[in-house]
PDB file of N, CA and C in Angstrom:
ATOM      1  N   MET A   1      -5.884 -14.236   2.344  1.00  0.00           N
ATOM      2  CA  MET A   1      -4.918 -13.219   2.690  1.00  0.00           C
ATOM      3  C   MET A   1      -4.684 -12.365   1.452  1.00  0.00           C
ATOM      4  N   SER A   2      -4.452 -11.093   1.674  1.00  0.00           N
ATOM      5  CA  SER A   2      -4.185 -10.202   0.551  1.00  0.00           C
ATOM      6  C   SER A   2      -3.251  -9.094   0.990  1.00  0.00           C
ATOM      7  N   ALA A   3      -2.780  -8.345   0.019  1.00  0.00           N
ATOM      8  CA  ALA A   3      -1.945  -7.182   0.299  1.00  0.00           C
ATOM      9  C   ALA A   3      -2.313  -6.116  -0.717  1.00  0.00           C
ATOM     10  N   GLY A   4      -2.240  -4.900  -0.297  1.00  0.00           N
ATOM     11  CA  GLY A   4      -2.545  -3.800  -1.197  1.00  0.00           C
ATOM     12  C   GLY A   4      -1.888  -2.545  -0.684  1.00  0.00           C
ATOM     13  N   THR A   5      -2.054  -1.489  -1.432  1.00  0.00           N
ATOM     14  CA  THR A   5      -1.463  -0.234  -1.011  1.00  0.00           C
ATOM     15  C   THR A   5      -2.460   0.891  -1.174  1.00  0.00           C
ATOM     16  N   ASP A   6      -2.353   1.823  -0.309  1.00  0.00           N
ATOM     17  CA  ASP A   6      -3.113   3.054  -0.389  1.00  0.00           C
ATOM     18  C   ASP A   6      -2.125   4.177  -0.114  1.00  0.00           C
ATOM     19  N   ALA A   7      -0.951   4.051  -0.730  1.00  0.00           N
ATOM     20  CA  ALA A   7       0.135   4.981  -0.474  1.00  0.00           C
ATOM     21  C   ALA A   7      -0.190   6.353  -1.044  1.00  0.00           C
ATOM     22  N   HIS A   8      -0.193   7.352  -0.173  1.00  0.00           N
ATOM     23  CA  HIS A   8      -0.440   8.720  -0.597  1.00  0.00           C
ATOM     24  C   HIS A   8       0.798   9.594  -0.478  1.00  0.00           C
ATOM     25  N   THR A   9       1.853   9.058   0.117  1.00  0.00           N
ATOM     26  CA  THR A   9       3.098   9.800   0.236  1.00  0.00           C
ATOM     27  C   THR A   9       4.253   8.894  -0.156  1.00  0.00           C
ATOM     28  N   LEU A  10       5.395   9.483  -0.484  1.00  0.00           N
ATOM     29  CA  LEU A  10       6.569   8.681  -0.824  1.00  0.00           C
ATOM     30  C   LEU A  10       6.990   7.776   0.322  1.00  0.00           C
ATOM     31  N   ALA A  11       6.778   8.234   1.548  1.00  0.00           N
ATOM     32  CA  ALA A  11       7.149   7.421   2.708  1.00  0.00           C
ATOM     33  C   ALA A  11       6.325   6.141   2.794  1.00  0.00           C
ATOM     34  N   ASP A  12       5.132   6.140   2.199  1.00  0.00           N
ATOM     35  CA  ASP A  12       4.258   4.969   2.261  1.00  0.00           C
ATOM     36  C   ASP A  12       4.548   3.942   1.172  1.00  0.00           C
ATOM     37  N   VAL A  13       5.234   4.356   0.113  1.00  0.00           N
ATOM     38  CA  VAL A  13       5.518   3.448  -0.996  1.00  0.00           C
ATOM     39  C   VAL A  13       6.530   2.403  -0.545  1.00  0.00           C
ATOM     40  N   SER A  14       6.304   1.177  -0.874  1.00  0.00           N
ATOM     41  CA  SER A  14       7.159   0.009  -0.595  1.00  0.00           C
ATOM     42  C   SER A  14       7.185  -0.398   0.871  1.00  0.00           C
ATOM     43  N   VAL A  15       6.154  -0.034   1.624  1.00  0.00           N
ATOM     44  CA  VAL A  15       6.060  -0.480   3.015  1.00  0.00           C
ATOM     45  C   VAL A  15       5.565  -1.929   3.057  1.00  0.00           C
ATOM     46  N   ALA A  16       4.746  -2.307   2.084  1.00  0.00           N
ATOM     47  CA  ALA A  16       4.254  -3.686   1.962  1.00  0.00           C
ATOM     48  C   ALA A  16       4.175  -4.047   0.487  1.00  0.00           C
ATOM     49  N   TRP A  17       4.339  -5.329   0.183  1.00  0.00           N
ATOM     50  CA  TRP A  17       4.309  -5.799  -1.195  1.00  0.00           C
ATOM     51  C   TRP A  17       3.982  -7.278  -1.203  1.00  0.00           C
ATOM     52  N   VAL A  18       3.827  -7.823  -2.409  1.00  0.00           N
ATOM     53  CA  VAL A  18       3.577  -9.260  -2.566  1.00  0.00           C
ATOM     54  C   VAL A  18       4.750  -9.863  -3.316  1.00  0.00           C
ATOM     55  N   GLU A  19       5.398 -10.829  -2.689  1.00  0.00           N
ATOM     56  CA  GLU A  19       6.467 -11.566  -3.358  1.00  0.00           C
ATOM     57  C   GLU A  19       5.834 -12.711  -4.119  1.00  0.00           C
ATOM     58  N   VAL A  20       6.143 -12.813  -5.407  1.00  0.00           N
ATOM     59  CA  VAL A  20       5.550 -13.852  -6.248  1.00  0.00           C
ATOM     60  C   VAL A  20       6.642 -14.776  -6.763  1.00  0.00           C
ATOM     61  N   PRO A  21       6.263 -16.006  -7.133  1.00  0.00           N
ATOM     62  CA  PRO A  21       7.242 -16.909  -7.726  1.00  0.00           C
ATOM     63  C   PRO A  21       7.818 -16.298  -9.009  1.00  0.00           C
ATOM     64  N   ILE A  22       9.090 -16.563  -9.274  1.00  0.00           N
ATOM     65  CA  ILE A  22       9.718 -16.042 -10.493  1.00  0.00           C
ATOM     66  C   ILE A  22       9.104 -16.741 -11.692  1.00  0.00           C
ATOM     67  N   GLN A  23       8.540 -15.933 -12.593  1.00  0.00           N
ATOM     68  CA  GLN A  23       7.940 -16.458 -13.817  1.00  0.00           C
ATOM     69  C   GLN A  23       7.726 -15.312 -14.781  1.00  0.00           C
ATOM     70  N   ALA A  24       7.614 -15.643 -16.047  1.00  0.00           N
ATOM     71  CA  ALA A  24       7.320 -14.632 -17.059  1.00  0.00           C
ATOM     72  C   ALA A  24       5.848 -14.243 -16.943  1.00  0.00           C
ATOM     73  N   ILE A  25       5.585 -12.947 -16.982  1.00  0.00           N
ATOM     74  CA  ILE A  25       4.209 -12.452 -16.913  1.00  0.00           C
ATOM     75  C   ILE A  25       3.977 -11.593 -18.140  1.00  0.00           C
ATOM     76  N   GLY A  26       3.015 -12.025 -18.966  1.00  0.00           N
ATOM     77  CA  GLY A  26       2.754 -11.305 -20.204  1.00  0.00           C
ATOM     78  C   GLY A  26       1.338 -10.795 -20.347  1.00  0.00           C
ATOM     79  N   THR A  27       0.455 -11.253 -19.476  1.00  0.00           N
ATOM     80  CA  THR A  27      -0.944 -10.835 -19.573  1.00  0.00           C
ATOM     81  C   THR A  27      -1.468 -10.487 -18.183  1.00  0.00           C
ATOM     82  N   PRO A  28      -2.551  -9.722 -18.120  1.00  0.00           N
ATOM     83  CA  PRO A  28      -3.143  -9.444 -16.805  1.00  0.00           C
ATOM     84  C   PRO A  28      -3.556 -10.720 -16.064  1.00  0.00           C
ATOM     85  N   GLN A  29      -4.016 -11.711 -16.781  1.00  0.00           N
ATOM     86  CA  GLN A  29      -4.411 -12.970 -16.142  1.00  0.00           C
ATOM     87  C   GLN A  29      -3.205 -13.672 -15.508  1.00  0.00           C
ATOM     88  N   GLU A  30      -2.067 -13.619 -16.179  1.00  0.00           N
ATOM     89  CA  GLU A  30      -0.854 -14.223 -15.616  1.00  0.00           C
ATOM     90  C   GLU A  30      -0.396 -13.467 -14.369  1.00  0.00           C
ATOM     91  N   LEU A  31      -0.561 -12.151 -14.371  1.00  0.00           N
ATOM     92  CA  LEU A  31      -0.221 -11.370 -13.183  1.00  0.00           C
ATOM     93  C   LEU A  31      -1.127 -11.747 -12.012  1.00  0.00           C
ATOM     94  N   LEU A  32      -2.420 -11.846 -12.262  1.00  0.00           N
ATOM     95  CA  LEU A  32      -3.352 -12.233 -11.196  1.00  0.00           C
ATOM     96  C   LEU A  32      -3.036 -13.632 -10.670  1.00  0.00           C
ATOM     97  N   GLN A  33      -2.675 -14.541 -11.553  1.00  0.00           N
ATOM     98  CA  GLN A  33      -2.325 -15.900 -11.125  1.00  0.00           C
ATOM     99  C   GLN A  33      -1.055 -15.876 -10.263  1.00  0.00           C
ATOM    100  N   ALA A  34      -0.059 -15.091 -10.676  1.00  0.00           N
ATOM    101  CA  ALA A  34       1.176 -14.984  -9.888  1.00  0.00           C
ATOM    102  C   ALA A  34       0.878 -14.391  -8.515  1.00  0.00           C
ATOM    103  N   LEU A  35       0.049 -13.338  -8.473  1.00  0.00           N
ATOM    104  CA  LEU A  35      -0.294 -12.715  -7.190  1.00  0.00           C
ATOM    105  C   LEU A  35      -1.060 -13.679  -6.288  1.00  0.00           C
ATOM    106  N   ALA A  36      -1.889 -14.535  -6.887  1.00  0.00           N
ATOM    107  CA  ALA A  36      -2.642 -15.511  -6.098  1.00  0.00           C
ATOM    108  C   ALA A  36      -1.715 -16.501  -5.402  1.00  0.00           C
ATOM    109  N   HIS A  37      -0.537 -16.736  -5.978  1.00  0.00           N
ATOM    110  CA  HIS A  37       0.426 -17.659  -5.381  1.00  0.00           C
ATOM    111  C   HIS A  37       1.528 -16.928  -4.616  1.00  0.00           C
ATOM    112  N   GLY A  38       1.380 -15.619  -4.469  1.00  0.00           N
ATOM    113  CA  GLY A  38       2.398 -14.821  -3.795  1.00  0.00           C
ATOM    114  C   GLY A  38       2.223 -14.796  -2.284  1.00  0.00           C
ATOM    115  N   THR A  39       3.169 -14.159  -1.632  1.00  0.00           N
ATOM    116  CA  THR A  39       3.167 -14.027  -0.183  1.00  0.00           C
ATOM    117  C   THR A  39       3.238 -12.552   0.190  1.00  0.00           C
ATOM    118  N   PRO A  40       2.228 -12.038   0.909  1.00  0.00           N
ATOM    119  CA  PRO A  40       2.306 -10.641   1.370  1.00  0.00           C
ATOM    120  C   PRO A  40       3.415 -10.490   2.404  1.00  0.00           C
ATOM    121  N   VAL A  41       4.229  -9.453   2.248  1.00  0.00           N
ATOM    122  CA  VAL A  41       5.306  -9.160   3.201  1.00  0.00           C
ATOM    123  C   VAL A  41       5.342  -7.660   3.463  1.00  0.00           C
ATOM    124  N   GLY A  42       6.004  -7.286   4.520  1.00  0.00           N
ATOM    125  CA  GLY A  42       6.147  -5.873   4.842  1.00  0.00           C
ATOM    126  C   GLY A  42       5.419  -5.526   6.116  1.00  0.00           C
ATOM    127  N   GLN A  43       5.134  -4.256   6.261  1.00  0.00           N
ATOM    128  CA  GLN A  43       4.533  -3.730   7.484  1.00  0.00           C
ATOM    129  C   GLN A  43       3.040  -3.519   7.279  1.00  0.00           C
ATOM    130  N   TRP A  44       2.218  -4.096   8.150  1.00  0.00           N
ATOM    131  CA  TRP A  44       0.773  -3.939   8.098  1.00  0.00           C
ATOM    132  C   TRP A  44       0.380  -2.795   9.015  1.00  0.00           C
ATOM    133  N   THR A  45      -0.517  -1.951   8.520  1.00  0.00           N
ATOM    134  CA  THR A  45      -1.039  -0.853   9.326  1.00  0.00           C
ATOM    135  C   THR A  45      -2.544  -1.003   9.425  1.00  0.00           C
ATOM    136  N   HIS A  46      -3.065  -0.922  10.636  1.00  0.00           N
ATOM    137  CA  HIS A  46      -4.508  -1.023  10.820  1.00  0.00           C
ATOM    138  C   HIS A  46      -5.180   0.128  10.065  1.00  0.00           C
ATOM    139  N   PRO A  47      -6.262  -0.142   9.325  1.00  0.00           N
ATOM    140  CA  PRO A  47      -6.919   0.907   8.535  1.00  0.00           C
ATOM    141  C   PRO A  47      -7.356   2.122   9.362  1.00  0.00           C
ATOM    142  N   VAL A  48      -7.776   1.920  10.598  1.00  0.00           N
ATOM    143  CA  VAL A  48      -8.187   3.046  11.433  1.00  0.00           C
ATOM    144  C   VAL A  48      -6.986   3.940  11.735  1.00  0.00           C
ATOM    145  N   LEU A  49      -5.854   3.353  12.055  1.00  0.00           N
ATOM    146  CA  LEU A  49      -4.649   4.145  12.311  1.00  0.00           C
ATOM    147  C   LEU A  49      -4.207   4.890  11.057  1.00  0.00           C
ATOM    148  N   ALA A  50      -4.290   4.235   9.908  1.00  0.00           N
ATOM    149  CA  ALA A  50      -3.919   4.889   8.657  1.00  0.00           C
ATOM    150  C   ALA A  50      -4.838   6.078   8.383  1.00  0.00           C
ATOM    151  N   PHE A  51      -6.131   5.918   8.640  1.00  0.00           N
ATOM    152  CA  PHE A  51      -7.080   7.007   8.436  1.00  0.00           C
ATOM    153  C   PHE A  51      -6.790   8.171   9.385  1.00  0.00           C
ATOM    154  N   LEU A  52      -6.552   7.860  10.649  1.00  0.00           N
ATOM    155  CA  LEU A  52      -6.262   8.918  11.618  1.00  0.00           C
ATOM    156  C   LEU A  52      -4.982   9.663  11.255  1.00  0.00           C
ATOM    157  N   TYR A  53      -3.971   8.950  10.808  1.00  0.00           N
ATOM    158  CA  TYR A  53      -2.727   9.592  10.390  1.00  0.00           C
ATOM    159  C   TYR A  53      -2.986  10.509   9.195  1.00  0.00           C
ATOM    160  N   LYS A  54      -3.772  10.035   8.245  1.00  0.00           N
ATOM    161  CA  LYS A  54      -4.104  10.838   7.066  1.00  0.00           C
ATOM    162  C   LYS A  54      -4.827  12.121   7.470  1.00  0.00           C
ATOM    163  N   MET A  55      -5.765  12.010   8.398  1.00  0.00           N
ATOM    164  CA  MET A  55      -6.498  13.191   8.853  1.00  0.00           C
ATOM    165  C   MET A  55      -5.576  14.155   9.598  1.00  0.00           C
ATOM    166  N   TRP A  56      -4.649  13.631  10.391  1.00  0.00           N
ATOM    167  CA  TRP A  56      -3.696  14.459  11.116  1.00  0.00           C
ATOM    168  C   TRP A  56      -2.812  15.236  10.136  1.00  0.00           C
ATOM    169  N   VAL A  57      -2.319  14.574   9.100  1.00  0.00           N
ATOM    170  CA  VAL A  57      -1.478  15.234   8.099  1.00  0.00           C
ATOM    171  C   VAL A  57      -2.269  16.331   7.393  1.00  0.00           C
ATOM    172  N   ARG A  58      -3.514  16.049   7.057  1.00  0.00           N
ATOM    173  CA  ARG A  58      -4.360  17.042   6.380  1.00  0.00           C
ATOM    174  C   ARG A  58      -4.605  18.247   7.292  1.00  0.00           C
ATOM    175  N   LEU A  59      -4.923  18.009   8.558  1.00  0.00           N
ATOM    176  CA  LEU A  59      -5.170  19.097   9.505  1.00  0.00           C
ATOM    177  C   LEU A  59      -3.921  19.940   9.701  1.00  0.00           C
ATOM    178  N   ARG A  60      -2.797  19.287   9.877  1.00  0.00           N
ATOM    179  CA  ARG A  60      -1.532  19.994  10.067  1.00  0.00           C
ATOM    180  C   ARG A  60      -1.212  20.862   8.854  1.00  0.00           C
ATOM    181  N   SER A  61      -1.463  20.344   7.672  1.00  0.00           N
ATOM    182  CA  SER A  61      -1.227  21.102   6.445  1.00  0.00           C
ATOM    183  C   SER A  61      -2.130  22.326   6.371  1.00  0.00           C
ATOM    184  N   GLN A  62      -3.400  22.154   6.744  1.00  0.00           N
ATOM    185  CA  GLN A  62      -4.342  23.278   6.713  1.00  0.00           C
ATOM    186  C   GLN A  62      -3.960  24.338   7.756  1.00  0.00           C
ATOM    187  N   LEU A  63      -3.512  23.911   8.915  1.00  0.00           N
ATOM    188  CA  LEU A  63      -3.109  24.872   9.942  1.00  0.00           C
ATOM    189  C   LEU A  63      -1.886  25.672   9.508  1.00  0.00           C
ATOM    190  N   ARG A  64      -0.959  25.027   8.817  1.00  0.00           N
ATOM    191  CA  ARG A  64       0.233  25.712   8.353  1.00  0.00           C
ATOM    192  C   ARG A  64      -0.073  26.703   7.240  1.00  0.00           C
ATOM    193  N   SER A  65      -1.081  26.372   6.405  1.00  0.00           N
ATOM    194  CA  SER A  65      -1.413  27.268   5.298  1.00  0.00           C
ATOM    195  C   SER A  65      -2.360  28.382   5.715  1.00  0.00           C
ATOM    196  N   GLY A  66      -2.873  28.337   6.954  1.00  0.00           N
ATOM    197  CA  GLY A  66      -3.721  29.387   7.479  1.00  0.00           C
ATOM    198  C   GLY A  66      -5.175  29.283   7.093  1.00  0.00           C
ATOM    199  N   ARG A  67      -5.611  28.114   6.654  1.00  0.00           N
ATOM    200  CA  ARG A  67      -7.015  27.928   6.278  1.00  0.00           C
ATOM    201  C   ARG A  67      -7.902  27.825   7.473  1.00  0.00           C
TER     202      ARG A  67
END
């Protein structure tokens, strides 16, 4: 299981995240270890739906700008 973000707008930021055990993190390796023991939470969006939404936003923007 994994979690990630492909947030391109402010509305997409913090829709999903990984909750990790409380611990001091001082190196990239410690961060990866914490993430490996974390739990993905938040809202999952199917990649196809996310792509279609992205294309819709782009098309709408182009239509408004007269391109």
